[in-house]
């Protein structure tokens, strides 16, 4: 019970150590040890500063952000870090620190900074060791499932992207036919026999180099519908869920789907569910996919293939990242791409039947990505509901276990 928990300070229970500087030029980038800054992983090295799992706390920059590394790592000098010989206790400490609102303890108005003495002085309640382990297990089970979904989604996206590249960038099926590696009635890895007639057996010269015979070089707006975003008056924004979700660029983008952060009651430009959202202002070319109908500001464009093929659209936009990067580099203050330049990007257009065939294959993968992402968001919401109640003792461990069992 909470009455049996002992009072302590953060410094008494989980003192912070200072991270150590590791400039980029000193890092061995081929290493597998994560290097943590205040905003998370910022690179890799071949040596670790810590000897086990580690909790990292943002000291300068992203103040008070709390990160967990399941293996030894190198926290740099913009961070504090915490270690513990008991991995379950360390994970409890991670959740405890996440509940304290350390991001609000900014001691320096010029350069955001977390003062260690002030953080150490925070008073906390510490449960008995078995309860610490159980709380860590309950919340950790949710985070472990979220991480598993993330890894699965990375694999699924890589599969769909590799297929797109083979068919529409490298023209591998056409080359296989030219070189005699793919014969009628024969199946190759990723190329079943029934797809044989969808690909030509010749490459011809074009303004973009060799392309499959019968394919065209056209502008993007010939094959895709593009809606450039427009920002409505700031007075129509809110963070309480009124109106449509409103997206403006990288700050809203996550792995595949944007996070709801701002809403708008009077949107001026809309994207439909399944549209690819492209960042058109610094940085240019970040992409996400709309999970729902939404509003888009001037930092975003919504793109949709004229057949409605959402997976093809998403992976096509990903494939022209090098073109977007040029616009990012050309901006005088910050990069941007306008409507005229976006619409006039030249690319190779494959036959409609081939687009639809790819869509059937890739959509199966992308549907799994969406399913995993929706599950992860539900689990994250459940974790965020349980965390403050468990850490404060407002919810008993046994009640939390029953609550979790009923919802997972």
Protein backbone atom coordinates (compact mmCIF):
# COMPACT_ATOMS: atom_id res chain seq x y z
CA UNK A 1 0.00 0.00 0.00
CA UNK A 2 1.06 3.62 -0.53
CA UNK A 3 1.27 4.16 3.23
CA UNK A 4 4.06 1.61 3.31
CA UNK A 5 6.09 3.28 0.56
CA UNK A 6 9.07 5.24 1.79
CA UNK A 7 9.72 8.90 1.11
CA UNK A 8 12.98 9.79 -0.60
CA UNK A 9 14.49 12.26 -3.03
CA UNK A 10 15.47 11.51 -6.61
CA UNK A 11 19.10 11.96 -5.66
CA UNK A 12 18.84 9.40 -2.86
CA UNK A 13 17.04 6.79 -4.93
CA UNK A 14 18.49 7.24 -8.40
CA UNK A 15 21.35 9.76 -8.63
CA UNK A 16 22.28 11.16 -12.04
CA UNK A 17 25.74 10.82 -13.55
CA UNK A 18 26.99 13.26 -16.20
CA UNK A 19 27.34 12.06 -19.77
CA UNK A 20 30.69 12.36 -21.54
CA UNK A 21 31.45 14.29 -24.71
CA UNK A 22 31.95 12.29 -27.90
CA UNK A 23 32.25 14.56 -30.98
CA UNK A 24 31.12 13.09 -34.27
CA UNK A 25 34.65 13.00 -35.68
CA UNK A 26 35.70 10.70 -32.82
CA UNK A 27 32.89 8.19 -33.32
CA UNK A 28 33.37 4.92 -35.12
CA UNK A 29 30.22 5.03 -37.23
CA UNK A 30 30.49 1.34 -38.09
CA UNK A 31 30.00 0.45 -34.43
CA UNK A 32 26.71 -0.77 -32.98
CA UNK A 33 26.76 1.03 -29.63
CA UNK A 34 24.06 3.74 -29.60
CA UNK A 35 25.20 7.27 -28.79
CA UNK A 36 22.52 9.22 -26.92
CA UNK A 37 21.96 12.95 -26.90
CA UNK A 38 19.17 14.73 -25.07
CA UNK A 39 16.74 13.96 -27.91
CA UNK A 40 17.56 10.25 -28.22
CA UNK A 41 19.96 8.27 -30.38
CA UNK A 42 22.23 10.64 -32.35
CA UNK A 43 24.72 8.14 -33.77
CA UNK A 44 26.77 5.03 -33.08
CA UNK A 45 30.23 4.12 -31.78
CA UNK A 46 32.28 0.98 -31.16
CA UNK A 47 32.70 1.56 -27.41
CA UNK A 48 30.17 2.09 -24.62
CA UNK A 49 30.41 4.50 -21.70
CA UNK A 50 27.98 2.43 -19.62
CA UNK A 51 28.22 -1.28 -18.84
CA UNK A 52 24.55 -2.29 -18.93
CA UNK A 53 21.03 -1.07 -19.62
CA UNK A 54 20.87 2.68 -19.16
CA UNK A 55 18.35 5.46 -18.53
CA UNK A 56 19.30 8.72 -20.25
CA UNK A 57 17.95 12.14 -19.21
CA UNK A 58 18.18 15.27 -21.36
CA UNK A 59 20.35 17.91 -19.64
CA UNK A 60 20.82 20.49 -22.42
CA UNK A 61 18.66 20.90 -25.50
CA UNK A 62 15.66 18.60 -25.09
CA UNK A 63 15.48 19.21 -21.37
CA UNK A 64 14.13 16.44 -19.16
CA UNK A 65 13.44 13.96 -21.96
CA UNK A 66 13.88 10.43 -20.60
CA UNK A 67 15.16 7.60 -22.79
CA UNK A 68 15.82 3.91 -22.14
CA UNK A 69 18.61 1.90 -23.73
CA UNK A 70 18.25 -1.88 -23.33
CA UNK A 71 22.00 -2.31 -23.82
CA UNK A 72 25.24 -0.47 -22.97
CA UNK A 73 25.47 2.92 -24.68
CA UNK A 74 27.32 6.23 -24.71
CA UNK A 75 25.38 9.17 -23.22
CA UNK A 76 27.07 12.38 -24.40
CA UNK A 77 27.63 15.56 -22.41
CA UNK A 78 24.17 17.01 -23.09
CA UNK A 79 22.72 14.27 -20.89
CA UNK A 80 22.66 12.70 -17.47
CA UNK A 81 22.40 8.96 -17.11
CA UNK A 82 21.36 6.33 -14.56
CA UNK A 83 22.39 2.69 -14.29
CA UNK A 84 21.41 -0.08 -11.87
CA UNK A 85 22.65 -3.66 -11.55
CA UNK A 86 19.04 -4.88 -11.40
CA UNK A 87 17.47 -4.42 -14.87
CA UNK A 88 13.92 -4.50 -13.47
CA UNK A 89 14.72 -1.78 -10.93
CA UNK A 90 16.36 0.30 -13.65
CA UNK A 91 13.25 0.05 -15.77
CA UNK A 92 11.15 1.11 -12.79
CA UNK A 93 13.45 4.13 -12.43
CA UNK A 94 12.87 4.91 -16.11
CA UNK A 95 9.11 5.03 -15.61
CA UNK A 96 9.46 6.96 -12.35
CA UNK A 97 11.59 9.64 -14.01
CA UNK A 98 9.14 9.80 -16.92
CA UNK A 99 6.37 10.66 -14.47
CA UNK A 100 8.12 13.63 -12.85
CA UNK A 101 7.73 16.25 -15.57
CA UNK A 102 11.46 16.95 -15.66
CA UNK A 103 10.96 18.73 -18.99
CA UNK A 104 9.42 21.62 -17.06
CA UNK A 105 12.50 22.09 -14.85
CA UNK A 106 14.32 24.45 -17.20
CA UNK A 107 16.90 26.35 -15.17
CA UNK A 108 18.42 28.42 -17.98
CA UNK A 109 16.32 30.74 -20.14
CA UNK A 110 19.06 31.31 -22.74
CA UNK A 111 20.09 27.68 -23.24
CA UNK A 112 17.57 25.14 -21.97
CA UNK A 113 19.14 23.16 -19.15
CA UNK A 114 18.17 20.75 -16.36
CA UNK A 115 19.89 21.49 -13.05
CA UNK A 116 21.02 18.23 -11.42
CA UNK A 117 20.72 19.53 -7.85
CA UNK A 118 17.16 20.68 -8.48
CA UNK A 119 16.24 17.34 -10.03
CA UNK A 120 17.92 15.44 -7.19
CA UNK A 121 15.88 17.42 -4.64
CA UNK A 122 12.53 16.27 -6.03
CA UNK A 123 10.62 14.26 -3.43
CA UNK A 124 9.25 10.87 -4.46
CA UNK A 125 7.58 7.81 -2.99
CA UNK A 126 9.49 4.55 -3.42
CA UNK A 127 7.61 1.24 -3.29
CA UNK A 128 9.09 -1.98 -1.97
CA UNK A 129 11.41 -3.85 -4.33
CA UNK A 130 8.86 -6.51 -5.42
CA UNK A 131 6.39 -3.76 -6.35
CA UNK A 132 9.08 -1.88 -8.27
CA UNK A 133 9.72 -5.01 -10.31
CA UNK A 134 6.02 -5.66 -10.91
CA UNK A 135 5.35 -2.06 -11.99
CA UNK A 136 8.32 -2.28 -14.36
CA UNK A 137 6.96 -5.56 -15.74
CA UNK A 138 3.44 -4.19 -16.32
CA UNK A 139 4.59 -1.05 -18.12
CA UNK A 140 7.53 -2.82 -19.77
CA UNK A 141 5.25 -5.45 -21.28
CA UNK A 142 3.37 -2.68 -23.10
CA UNK A 143 6.57 -0.98 -24.26
CA UNK A 144 8.06 -4.29 -25.41
CA UNK A 145 5.02 -4.97 -27.59
CA UNK A 146 5.21 -1.44 -29.01
CA UNK A 147 8.89 -2.00 -29.84
CA UNK A 148 8.12 -5.36 -31.46
CA UNK A 149 5.48 -3.69 -33.64
CA UNK A 150 7.99 -0.99 -34.59
CA UNK A 151 10.55 -3.56 -35.72
CA UNK A 152 7.91 -5.50 -37.66
CA UNK A 153 6.82 -2.31 -39.37
CA UNK A 154 10.37 -1.46 -40.37
CA UNK A 155 10.68 -4.92 -41.97
CA UNK A 156 7.32 -4.64 -43.75
CA UNK A 157 8.12 -1.19 -45.10
CA UNK A 158 11.54 -2.34 -46.28
CA UNK A 159 9.90 -5.20 -48.20
CA UNK A 160 7.42 -2.92 -49.97
CA UNK A 161 10.15 -0.36 -50.69
CA UNK A 162 12.51 -3.01 -52.09
CA UNK A 163 9.79 -4.31 -54.41
CA UNK A 164 9.05 -0.79 -55.64
CA UNK A 165 12.74 -0.14 -56.30
CA UNK A 166 13.19 -3.43 -58.18
CA UNK A 167 10.19 -2.85 -60.44
CA UNK A 168 10.08 0.92 -60.97
CA UNK A 169 13.61 2.21 -60.35
CA UNK A 170 16.05 -0.55 -61.26
CA UNK A 171 13.69 -2.20 -63.80
CA UNK A 172 14.94 -5.59 -62.60
CA UNK A 173 12.14 -7.67 -64.22
CA UNK A 174 12.87 -6.07 -67.61
CA UNK A 175 16.59 -6.71 -67.23
CA UNK A 176 15.90 -10.30 -66.21
CA UNK A 177 13.95 -10.81 -69.44
CA UNK A 178 16.63 -9.11 -71.56
CA UNK A 179 19.37 -11.27 -70.02
CA UNK A 180 17.33 -14.44 -70.36
CA UNK A 181 17.14 -15.00 -66.60
CA UNK A 182 13.33 -14.89 -66.67
CA UNK A 183 11.48 -17.04 -69.17
CA UNK A 184 7.77 -17.37 -69.83
CA UNK A 185 6.20 -19.81 -67.39
CA UNK A 186 9.13 -19.44 -64.99
CA UNK A 187 9.03 -17.90 -61.51
CA UNK A 188 11.92 -16.00 -59.95
CA UNK A 189 12.21 -14.67 -56.38
CA UNK A 190 9.68 -11.83 -56.22
CA UNK A 191 8.64 -12.44 -59.84
CA UNK A 192 5.93 -15.09 -60.15
CA UNK A 193 5.31 -16.47 -63.64
CA UNK A 194 1.89 -14.82 -64.03
CA UNK A 195 3.49 -11.35 -64.00
CA UNK A 196 5.67 -12.09 -67.04
CA UNK A 197 3.56 -10.26 -69.63
CA UNK A 198 3.28 -7.09 -67.53
CA UNK A 199 6.91 -6.18 -68.23
CA UNK A 200 8.50 -5.43 -71.63
CA UNK A 201 11.73 -7.09 -72.77
CA UNK A 202 13.53 -3.95 -73.99
CA UNK A 203 14.99 -0.75 -72.55
CA UNK A 204 14.92 2.42 -74.66
CA UNK A 205 16.65 5.78 -74.31
CA UNK A 206 14.78 8.72 -72.76
CA UNK A 207 15.60 12.10 -71.23
CA UNK A 208 15.95 10.28 -67.89
CA UNK A 209 18.19 7.55 -69.28
CA UNK A 210 17.16 4.01 -70.20
CA UNK A 211 13.56 3.12 -69.37
CA UNK A 212 11.35 0.13 -70.22
CA UNK A 213 9.84 0.21 -73.68
CA UNK A 214 6.29 1.59 -73.64
CA UNK A 215 6.76 3.51 -70.39
CA UNK A 216 6.58 7.32 -70.48
CA UNK A 217 8.50 10.25 -69.02
CA UNK A 218 5.89 12.67 -67.68
CA UNK A 219 5.42 15.27 -64.96
CA UNK A 220 4.25 14.18 -61.52
CA UNK A 221 0.95 16.04 -61.79
CA UNK A 222 0.00 13.94 -64.84
CA UNK A 223 -0.09 10.78 -62.75
CA UNK A 224 -0.90 12.15 -59.28
CA UNK A 225 -3.36 14.60 -57.76
CA UNK A 226 -1.46 17.09 -55.60
CA UNK A 227 -2.97 19.43 -53.01
CA UNK A 228 -0.63 22.07 -51.64
CA UNK A 229 -1.42 22.96 -48.03
CA UNK A 230 -2.52 26.35 -46.79
CA UNK A 231 -2.42 27.59 -43.20
CA UNK A 232 -5.68 29.04 -41.84
CA UNK A 233 -5.69 31.80 -39.18
CA UNK A 234 -3.97 30.83 -35.95
CA UNK A 235 -7.15 31.61 -34.05
CA UNK A 236 -8.72 28.46 -35.51
CA UNK A 237 -6.07 26.15 -33.96
CA UNK A 238 -6.57 24.24 -30.72
CA UNK A 239 -5.19 21.25 -28.83
CA UNK A 240 -8.47 19.97 -27.36
CA UNK A 241 -9.66 17.96 -30.35
CA UNK A 242 -12.07 20.43 -31.94
CA UNK A 243 -12.23 20.21 -35.74
CA UNK A 244 -9.87 18.18 -37.92
CA UNK A 245 -6.32 17.08 -37.09
CA UNK A 246 -3.99 19.71 -38.58
CA UNK A 247 -0.54 18.79 -39.88
CA UNK A 248 2.26 21.16 -40.83
CA UNK A 249 5.34 18.99 -41.38
CA UNK A 250 8.14 17.17 -39.58
CA UNK A 251 6.99 18.16 -36.09
CA UNK A 252 3.85 16.10 -36.72
CA UNK A 253 5.38 13.19 -38.63
CA UNK A 254 6.27 9.84 -37.07
CA UNK A 255 7.43 6.52 -38.56
CA UNK A 256 4.53 6.19 -41.04
CA UNK A 257 1.53 8.10 -39.71
CA UNK A 258 1.40 11.61 -38.18
CA UNK A 259 0.55 12.19 -34.54
CA UNK A 260 -2.42 14.31 -33.51
CA UNK A 261 -0.97 17.44 -31.96
CA UNK A 262 -2.98 20.40 -33.26
CA UNK A 263 -6.57 20.64 -34.51
CA UNK A 264 -8.23 23.22 -36.76
CA UNK A 265 -11.86 24.33 -36.82
CA UNK A 266 -11.68 26.18 -40.16
CA UNK A 267 -9.37 24.23 -42.49
CA UNK A 268 -8.61 25.61 -45.93
CA UNK A 269 -6.82 22.59 -47.49
CA UNK A 270 -7.72 18.96 -46.88
CA UNK A 271 -6.09 15.57 -47.28
CA UNK A 272 -8.06 12.36 -47.49
CA UNK A 273 -7.44 9.15 -45.58
CA UNK A 274 -4.62 7.23 -47.29
CA UNK A 275 -3.08 10.29 -48.96
CA UNK A 276 0.69 10.62 -48.82
CA UNK A 277 1.70 13.72 -46.89
CA UNK A 278 4.90 15.35 -48.13
CA UNK A 279 6.83 18.02 -46.26
CA UNK A 280 7.41 20.90 -48.71
CA UNK A 281 9.19 23.30 -46.36
CA UNK A 282 12.45 22.69 -44.50
CA UNK A 283 13.04 19.85 -44.59
CA UNK A 284 11.65 19.04 -48.01
CA UNK A 285 10.66 15.45 -48.71
CA UNK A 286 9.75 13.92 -45.35
CA UNK A 287 6.72 11.71 -45.92
CA UNK A 288 3.86 10.24 -43.89
CA UNK A 289 0.46 8.77 -44.72
CA UNK A 290 -2.85 10.20 -43.53
CA UNK A 291 -4.67 7.83 -41.16
CA UNK A 292 -7.82 9.92 -41.46
CA UNK A 293 -9.23 12.94 -43.26
CA UNK A 294 -7.22 15.92 -42.04
CA UNK A 295 -6.25 19.55 -42.62
CA UNK A 296 -2.84 20.47 -44.02
CA UNK A 297 -0.87 23.67 -43.56
CA UNK A 298 1.50 25.33 -46.01
CA UNK A 299 4.37 23.07 -44.96
CA UNK A 300 2.64 19.97 -46.35
CA UNK A 301 1.29 18.69 -49.66
CA UNK A 302 -1.16 15.80 -50.02
CA UNK A 303 -0.55 13.41 -52.94
CA UNK A 304 -2.74 10.67 -54.38
CA UNK A 305 -2.32 8.51 -57.49
CA UNK A 306 -5.14 9.01 -59.94
CA UNK A 307 -6.12 5.35 -59.50
CA UNK A 308 -6.29 5.85 -55.73
CA UNK A 309 -3.31 3.52 -55.22
CA UNK A 310 -2.12 4.71 -51.83
CA UNK A 311 0.80 2.28 -51.36
CA UNK A 312 2.19 3.05 -54.81
CA UNK A 313 1.93 6.78 -54.04
CA UNK A 314 3.70 6.46 -50.71
CA UNK A 315 6.60 4.40 -52.03
CA UNK A 316 6.91 6.53 -55.18
CA UNK A 317 7.27 9.68 -53.08
CA UNK A 318 9.87 7.91 -50.98
CA UNK A 319 11.76 6.92 -54.15
CA UNK A 320 12.27 10.52 -55.28
CA UNK A 321 13.85 11.68 -52.02
CA UNK A 322 17.01 12.70 -53.91
CA UNK A 323 14.96 15.18 -55.98
CA UNK A 324 13.37 16.66 -52.85
CA UNK A 325 16.82 16.92 -51.25
CA UNK A 326 17.96 19.26 -54.02
CA UNK A 327 15.20 21.72 -53.14
CA UNK A 328 16.12 21.42 -49.48
CA UNK A 329 19.67 22.48 -50.31
CA UNK A 330 18.73 25.34 -52.64
CA UNK A 331 16.75 27.46 -50.17
CA UNK A 332 18.41 30.76 -49.24
CA UNK A 333 17.20 30.65 -45.63
CA UNK A 334 15.50 27.27 -45.55
CA UNK A 335 14.56 24.80 -48.23
CA UNK A 336 11.15 24.65 -49.87
CA UNK A 337 9.45 23.40 -53.00
CA UNK A 338 6.56 25.34 -54.54
CA UNK A 339 3.56 24.13 -56.48
CA UNK A 340 5.09 24.71 -59.92
CA UNK A 341 8.30 22.85 -59.13
CA UNK A 342 6.50 19.99 -57.40
CA UNK A 343 4.01 19.51 -60.23
CA UNK A 344 6.71 19.58 -62.91
CA UNK A 345 9.03 16.90 -61.44
CA UNK A 346 9.77 14.47 -64.27
CA UNK A 347 9.51 10.75 -63.65
CA UNK A 348 8.93 7.46 -65.44
CA UNK A 349 5.29 6.37 -65.61
CA UNK A 350 4.65 2.60 -65.75
CA UNK A 351 1.47 1.09 -67.25
CA UNK A 352 -1.68 1.33 -65.16
CA UNK A 353 -2.04 -2.46 -64.86
CA UNK A 354 1.42 -2.72 -63.36
CA UNK A 355 0.67 0.03 -60.83
CA UNK A 356 -2.47 -1.82 -59.75
CA UNK A 357 -0.58 -5.12 -59.51
CA UNK A 358 2.04 -3.54 -57.28
CA UNK A 359 -0.72 -1.95 -55.22
CA UNK A 360 -2.28 -5.34 -54.44
CA UNK A 361 1.03 -6.72 -53.24
CA UNK A 362 2.23 -3.69 -51.29
CA UNK A 363 -1.17 -2.89 -49.79
CA UNK A 364 -1.13 -6.23 -47.94
CA UNK A 365 2.15 -5.19 -46.31
CA UNK A 366 1.00 -1.65 -45.64
CA UNK A 367 -2.26 -2.88 -44.09
CA UNK A 368 -0.16 -4.83 -41.58
CA UNK A 369 1.87 -1.70 -40.88
CA UNK A 370 -1.32 0.24 -40.17
CA UNK A 371 -2.69 -2.55 -37.97
CA UNK A 372 0.52 -2.65 -35.93
CA UNK A 373 0.61 1.15 -35.64
CA UNK A 374 -2.98 1.36 -34.45
CA UNK A 375 -2.27 -1.33 -31.86
CA UNK A 376 0.86 0.48 -30.69
CA UNK A 377 -1.03 3.75 -30.26
CA UNK A 378 -3.66 1.98 -28.18
CA UNK A 379 -0.97 0.34 -26.06
CA UNK A 380 0.86 3.66 -25.62
CA UNK A 381 -2.36 5.32 -24.48
CA UNK A 382 -2.93 2.48 -21.99
CA UNK A 383 0.66 2.78 -20.73
CA UNK A 384 0.33 6.54 -20.32
CA UNK A 385 -2.90 6.05 -18.37
CA UNK A 386 -1.40 3.46 -16.03
CA UNK A 387 2.01 5.07 -15.49
CA UNK A 388 1.11 8.02 -13.21
CA UNK A 389 -1.39 5.92 -11.26
CA UNK A 390 1.08 3.11 -10.63
CA UNK A 391 4.01 5.41 -9.83
CA UNK A 392 1.91 7.45 -7.38
CA UNK A 393 0.31 4.39 -5.80
CA UNK A 394 -3.19 5.54 -6.79
CA UNK A 395 -3.64 2.20 -8.57
CA UNK A 396 -2.59 -0.98 -6.82
CA UNK A 397 -0.45 -3.41 -8.71
CA UNK A 398 -2.99 -6.24 -8.58
CA UNK A 399 -5.73 -3.94 -9.86
CA UNK A 400 -3.42 -2.80 -12.69
CA UNK A 401 -2.72 -6.40 -13.65
CA UNK A 402 -6.45 -7.13 -13.89
CA UNK A 403 -7.01 -3.88 -15.80
CA UNK A 404 -4.23 -4.79 -18.25
CA UNK A 405 -5.43 -8.36 -18.70
CA UNK A 406 -8.92 -7.14 -19.63
CA UNK A 407 -7.57 -4.83 -22.35
CA UNK A 408 -4.76 -6.80 -24.01
